[in-house]
Amino acid sequence: MRWIDTKDQLPNDSERILLYTPYPFFGDDNSCIGNMESITSCTISKDKDQVPIFTHWMPLPPKPKQYP
């Protein structure tokens, strides 16, 4: 899997995804799980403009197989 730049492609509306931010909102961890709404609604002021907090995303891996 690879990170996808939000400027190049956005996820499906209902898809849960792993998000990356270059900003230190989460301490040393720059990622969290969210969706398309997270990308479009979470912004920060930068140089008098509102810019998205999340710059990259990737699909979540498949769930593990269920064991009896």
Protein backbone atom coordinates (compact mmCIF):
# COMPACT_ATOMS: atom_id res chain seq x y z
CA MET A 1 0.00 0.00 0.00
CA ARG A 2 1.10 3.55 -0.58
CA TRP A 3 0.01 6.99 0.61
CA ILE A 4 -2.26 8.83 -1.83
CA ASP A 5 -2.04 12.62 -2.00
CA THR A 6 -5.47 14.21 -1.43
CA LYS A 7 -4.70 16.57 -4.34
CA ASP A 8 -4.44 13.56 -6.68
CA GLN A 9 -7.35 11.41 -5.53
CA LEU A 10 -10.01 11.30 -2.83
CA PRO A 11 -11.56 8.16 -1.30
CA ASN A 12 -15.14 7.00 -1.75
CA ASP A 13 -17.61 8.78 0.54
CA SER A 14 -18.32 5.77 2.77
CA GLU A 15 -14.80 4.28 2.81
CA ARG A 16 -12.94 4.23 6.16
CA ILE A 17 -9.31 5.12 5.57
CA LEU A 18 -5.98 5.80 7.25
CA LEU A 19 -5.21 9.54 7.21
CA TYR A 20 -1.86 11.35 7.45
CA THR A 21 -1.23 14.91 8.67
CA PRO A 22 2.12 16.74 8.69
CA TYR A 23 0.88 18.83 11.62
CA PRO A 24 1.54 17.75 15.25
CA PHE A 25 -2.10 17.32 16.32
CA PHE A 26 -1.58 13.78 17.57
CA GLY A 27 1.82 14.20 19.23
CA ASP A 28 4.38 11.88 17.65
CA ASP A 29 1.70 10.00 15.72
CA ASN A 30 0.74 11.72 12.48
CA SER A 31 -2.04 9.37 11.46
CA CYS A 32 -5.59 8.40 12.37
CA ILE A 33 -8.58 6.58 10.91
CA GLY A 34 -11.31 8.64 9.28
CA ASN A 35 -13.23 9.07 6.04
CA MET A 36 -13.78 11.51 3.18
CA GLU A 37 -15.58 13.93 5.52
CA SER A 38 -12.44 14.08 7.70
CA ILE A 39 -10.45 15.31 4.70
CA THR A 40 -12.98 17.91 3.59
CA SER A 41 -14.06 19.28 6.97
CA CYS A 42 -10.86 19.29 9.07
CA THR A 43 -8.87 22.42 8.21
CA ILE A 44 -6.24 24.71 9.70
CA SER A 45 -5.42 28.37 9.08
CA LYS A 46 -2.17 28.74 7.15
CA ASP A 47 -1.06 32.02 5.58
CA LYS A 48 -4.59 33.45 6.01
CA ASP A 49 -6.12 30.50 4.13
CA GLN A 50 -7.97 27.43 5.39
CA VAL A 51 -6.10 24.31 4.27
CA PRO A 52 -6.92 20.65 4.92
CA ILE A 53 -5.25 19.10 7.95
CA PHE A 54 -4.92 15.74 6.19
CA THR A 55 -2.68 15.67 3.13
CA HIS A 56 -2.51 11.93 2.38
CA TRP A 57 -4.60 8.80 2.84
CA MET A 58 -4.57 5.06 2.13
CA PRO A 59 -7.12 2.26 2.28
CA LEU A 60 -7.24 0.23 5.47
CA PRO A 61 -5.88 -3.32 5.18
CA PRO A 62 -8.41 -6.14 5.08
CA LYS A 63 -9.71 -7.41 8.40
CA PRO A 64 -7.97 -10.52 9.76
CA LYS A 65 -9.50 -13.90 9.08
CA GLN A 66 -11.82 -15.06 11.83
CA TYR A 67 -10.50 -17.94 13.90
CA PRO A 68 -12.81 -20.48 15.60
